[in-house]
């Protein structure tokens, strides 16, 4: 069983930065961030495994970074140069093992409650 607690969402002006945090209780090998923009399907933002490394969606590469804090048992998403197109509810996800590719939402059994990110132009 894995319990995830998110924090760090908010509102920023375009070009600004935010860092989301996901505190994870329980064993998790794969950690990921997804987002759902208004009127759109949930999409993968980034996924990480200590052995396999980190994967980023093309739309966020170079702007978003998964950050790990083993001491706090958490993983975060550092976001810079935010754009209005980044407006979404962001969710962290985790799983001890995957049977489907890590950028697919169906791969993860455990999810956070979601945190809203708003970017004003």
C-alpha atoms as a PDB file:
ATOM      1  CA  UNK A   1       0.000   0.000   0.000  1.00  0.00           C
ATOM      2  CA  UNK A   2       1.293   3.474  -0.908  1.00  0.00           C
ATOM      3  CA  UNK A   3      -0.231   6.704   0.368  1.00  0.00           C
ATOM      4  CA  UNK A   4       0.607   9.954  -1.448  1.00  0.00           C
ATOM      5  CA  UNK A   5       0.155  13.489  -0.164  1.00  0.00           C
ATOM      6  CA  UNK A   6       0.602  16.409  -2.553  1.00  0.00           C
ATOM      7  CA  UNK A   7       1.327  20.042  -1.899  1.00  0.00           C
ATOM      8  CA  UNK A   8       2.709  23.097  -3.647  1.00  0.00           C
ATOM      9  CA  UNK A   9       0.178  24.078  -6.283  1.00  0.00           C
ATOM     10  CA  UNK A  10      -0.865  27.682  -6.778  1.00  0.00           C
ATOM     11  CA  UNK A  11      -1.080  30.605  -9.171  1.00  0.00           C
ATOM     12  CA  UNK A  12       1.829  32.279 -10.924  1.00  0.00           C
ATOM     13  CA  UNK A  13       2.341  34.674 -13.791  1.00  0.00           C
ATOM     14  CA  UNK A  14       3.576  33.326 -17.103  1.00  0.00           C
ATOM     15  CA  UNK A  15       7.303  32.754 -16.948  1.00  0.00           C
ATOM     16  CA  UNK A  16       7.169  32.027 -13.235  1.00  0.00           C
ATOM     17  CA  UNK A  17       8.087  28.920 -11.277  1.00  0.00           C
ATOM     18  CA  UNK A  18       6.437  26.485  -8.899  1.00  0.00           C
ATOM     19  CA  UNK A  19       7.568  23.344  -7.146  1.00  0.00           C
ATOM     20  CA  UNK A  20       5.085  20.583  -6.370  1.00  0.00           C
ATOM     21  CA  UNK A  21       5.816  18.024  -3.687  1.00  0.00           C
ATOM     22  CA  UNK A  22       4.494  14.519  -3.149  1.00  0.00           C
ATOM     23  CA  UNK A  23       5.159  12.825   0.159  1.00  0.00           C
ATOM     24  CA  UNK A  24       5.097   9.069  -0.277  1.00  0.00           C
ATOM     25  CA  UNK A  25       4.324   6.606   2.497  1.00  0.00           C
ATOM     26  CA  UNK A  26       5.110   3.060   1.487  1.00  0.00           C
ATOM     27  CA  UNK A  27       7.279   1.294  -1.017  1.00  0.00           C
ATOM     28  CA  UNK A  28       7.387   2.850  -4.451  1.00  0.00           C
ATOM     29  CA  UNK A  29       9.832   2.091  -7.197  1.00  0.00           C
ATOM     30  CA  UNK A  30       8.237   4.150  -9.926  1.00  0.00           C
ATOM     31  CA  UNK A  31       7.181   7.745  -9.290  1.00  0.00           C
ATOM     32  CA  UNK A  32       5.411   9.989 -11.760  1.00  0.00           C
ATOM     33  CA  UNK A  33       3.553  13.223 -12.308  1.00  0.00           C
ATOM     34  CA  UNK A  34       0.480  13.537 -14.490  1.00  0.00           C
ATOM     35  CA  UNK A  35      -1.783  16.464 -15.272  1.00  0.00           C
ATOM     36  CA  UNK A  36      -5.274  17.065 -16.568  1.00  0.00           C
ATOM     37  CA  UNK A  37      -5.971  20.362 -18.268  1.00  0.00           C
ATOM     38  CA  UNK A  38      -9.563  21.641 -18.535  1.00  0.00           C
ATOM     39  CA  UNK A  39     -11.406  19.697 -21.225  1.00  0.00           C
ATOM     40  CA  UNK A  40      -8.497  17.381 -21.914  1.00  0.00           C
ATOM     41  CA  UNK A  41      -7.435  13.865 -21.055  1.00  0.00           C
ATOM     42  CA  UNK A  42      -4.966  13.194 -18.272  1.00  0.00           C
ATOM     43  CA  UNK A  43      -1.438  13.131 -19.624  1.00  0.00           C
ATOM     44  CA  UNK A  44       1.945  12.090 -18.293  1.00  0.00           C
ATOM     45  CA  UNK A  45       4.400  14.817 -17.402  1.00  0.00           C
ATOM     46  CA  UNK A  46       7.351  12.820 -16.078  1.00  0.00           C
ATOM     47  CA  UNK A  47       8.213   9.443 -14.599  1.00  0.00           C
ATOM     48  CA  UNK A  48      11.209   8.295 -12.581  1.00  0.00           C
ATOM     49  CA  UNK A  49      12.799   5.095 -11.440  1.00  0.00           C
ATOM     50  CA  UNK A  50      16.171   5.034  -9.674  1.00  0.00           C
ATOM     51  CA  UNK A  51      17.473   2.300 -11.981  1.00  0.00           C
ATOM     52  CA  UNK A  52      15.819   3.400 -15.235  1.00  0.00           C
ATOM     53  CA  UNK A  53      16.173   7.164 -14.867  1.00  0.00           C
ATOM     54  CA  UNK A  54      13.676   9.902 -15.679  1.00  0.00           C
ATOM     55  CA  UNK A  55      11.395  10.368 -18.678  1.00  0.00           C
ATOM     56  CA  UNK A  56       9.795  13.701 -19.560  1.00  0.00           C
ATOM     57  CA  UNK A  57       6.955  14.570 -21.890  1.00  0.00           C
ATOM     58  CA  UNK A  58       8.143  16.568 -24.883  1.00  0.00           C
ATOM     59  CA  UNK A  59       6.024  19.566 -23.902  1.00  0.00           C
ATOM     60  CA  UNK A  60       7.818  20.019 -20.559  1.00  0.00           C
ATOM     61  CA  UNK A  61      11.337  18.877 -21.350  1.00  0.00           C
ATOM     62  CA  UNK A  62      13.848  21.478 -20.235  1.00  0.00           C
ATOM     63  CA  UNK A  63      11.285  23.258 -18.057  1.00  0.00           C
ATOM     64  CA  UNK A  64      10.153  20.598 -15.575  1.00  0.00           C
ATOM     65  CA  UNK A  65      12.412  18.475 -13.383  1.00  0.00           C
ATOM     66  CA  UNK A  66      11.620  15.640 -10.990  1.00  0.00           C
ATOM     67  CA  UNK A  67      13.434  16.273  -7.709  1.00  0.00           C
ATOM     68  CA  UNK A  68      13.949  13.614  -5.068  1.00  0.00           C
ATOM     69  CA  UNK A  69      14.183  14.085  -1.308  1.00  0.00           C
ATOM     70  CA  UNK A  70      14.911  10.715   0.213  1.00  0.00           C
ATOM     71  CA  UNK A  71      15.271  12.201   3.689  1.00  0.00           C
ATOM     72  CA  UNK A  72      11.695  13.469   3.505  1.00  0.00           C
ATOM     73  CA  UNK A  73      10.498  10.414   1.585  1.00  0.00           C
ATOM     74  CA  UNK A  74       9.105  12.671  -1.089  1.00  0.00           C
ATOM     75  CA  UNK A  75       9.480  13.481  -4.745  1.00  0.00           C
ATOM     76  CA  UNK A  76       8.711  16.777  -6.333  1.00  0.00           C
ATOM     77  CA  UNK A  77       8.220  18.483  -9.661  1.00  0.00           C
ATOM     78  CA  UNK A  78      10.186  21.651 -10.180  1.00  0.00           C
ATOM     79  CA  UNK A  79       8.527  23.764 -12.887  1.00  0.00           C
ATOM     80  CA  UNK A  80      10.090  26.840 -14.474  1.00  0.00           C
ATOM     81  CA  UNK A  81       9.062  29.106 -17.373  1.00  0.00           C
ATOM     82  CA  UNK A  82       5.415  28.203 -16.790  1.00  0.00           C
ATOM     83  CA  UNK A  83       3.006  28.934 -19.618  1.00  0.00           C
ATOM     84  CA  UNK A  84      -0.792  29.329 -19.709  1.00  0.00           C
ATOM     85  CA  UNK A  85      -0.807  25.971 -21.523  1.00  0.00           C
ATOM     86  CA  UNK A  86       0.454  24.402 -18.282  1.00  0.00           C
ATOM     87  CA  UNK A  87      -2.778  25.198 -16.432  1.00  0.00           C
ATOM     88  CA  UNK A  88      -3.999  21.871 -15.043  1.00  0.00           C
ATOM     89  CA  UNK A  89      -4.671  19.738 -12.038  1.00  0.00           C
ATOM     90  CA  UNK A  90      -1.420  17.931 -11.307  1.00  0.00           C
ATOM     91  CA  UNK A  91      -1.335  14.469  -9.762  1.00  0.00           C
ATOM     92  CA  UNK A  92       1.525  12.430  -8.401  1.00  0.00           C
ATOM     93  CA  UNK A  93       1.459   8.685  -8.838  1.00  0.00           C
ATOM     94  CA  UNK A  94       3.551   5.776  -7.659  1.00  0.00           C
ATOM     95  CA  UNK A  95       3.768   2.024  -7.808  1.00  0.00           C
ATOM     96  CA  UNK A  96       6.186  -0.619  -6.512  1.00  0.00           C
ATOM     97  CA  UNK A  97       6.246  -2.249  -9.945  1.00  0.00           C
ATOM     98  CA  UNK A  98       4.878  -1.565 -13.402  1.00  0.00           C
ATOM     99  CA  UNK A  99       3.420  -3.917 -15.965  1.00  0.00           C
ATOM    100  CA  UNK A 100       2.758  -1.194 -18.544  1.00  0.00           C
ATOM    101  CA  UNK A 101       4.931   1.676 -19.830  1.00  0.00           C
ATOM    102  CA  UNK A 102       5.657   4.327 -17.164  1.00  0.00           C
ATOM    103  CA  UNK A 103       4.112   7.237 -19.073  1.00  0.00           C
ATOM    104  CA  UNK A 104       0.693   5.578 -19.112  1.00  0.00           C
ATOM    105  CA  UNK A 105      -1.707   6.461 -16.302  1.00  0.00           C
ATOM    106  CA  UNK A 106      -2.940   2.879 -16.155  1.00  0.00           C
ATOM    107  CA  UNK A 107       0.497   1.800 -14.973  1.00  0.00           C
ATOM    108  CA  UNK A 108       0.023   3.301 -11.510  1.00  0.00           C
ATOM    109  CA  UNK A 109      -2.053   1.947  -8.652  1.00  0.00           C
ATOM    110  CA  UNK A 110      -1.551   4.837  -6.235  1.00  0.00           C
ATOM    111  CA  UNK A 111      -2.438   8.485  -6.750  1.00  0.00           C
ATOM    112  CA  UNK A 112      -2.368  11.748  -4.871  1.00  0.00           C
ATOM    113  CA  UNK A 113      -5.458  13.915  -4.488  1.00  0.00           C
ATOM    114  CA  UNK A 114      -4.336  16.485  -7.042  1.00  0.00           C
ATOM    115  CA  UNK A 115      -3.115  20.053  -6.782  1.00  0.00           C
ATOM    116  CA  UNK A 116      -4.126  22.925  -9.060  1.00  0.00           C
ATOM    117  CA  UNK A 117      -1.614  24.941 -11.055  1.00  0.00           C
ATOM    118  CA  UNK A 118      -2.816  28.184 -12.632  1.00  0.00           C
ATOM    119  CA  UNK A 119      -0.724  30.400 -14.894  1.00  0.00           C
ATOM    120  CA  UNK A 120      -1.863  33.889 -15.822  1.00  0.00           C
ATOM    121  CA  UNK A 121      -0.781  35.463 -19.097  1.00  0.00           C
END
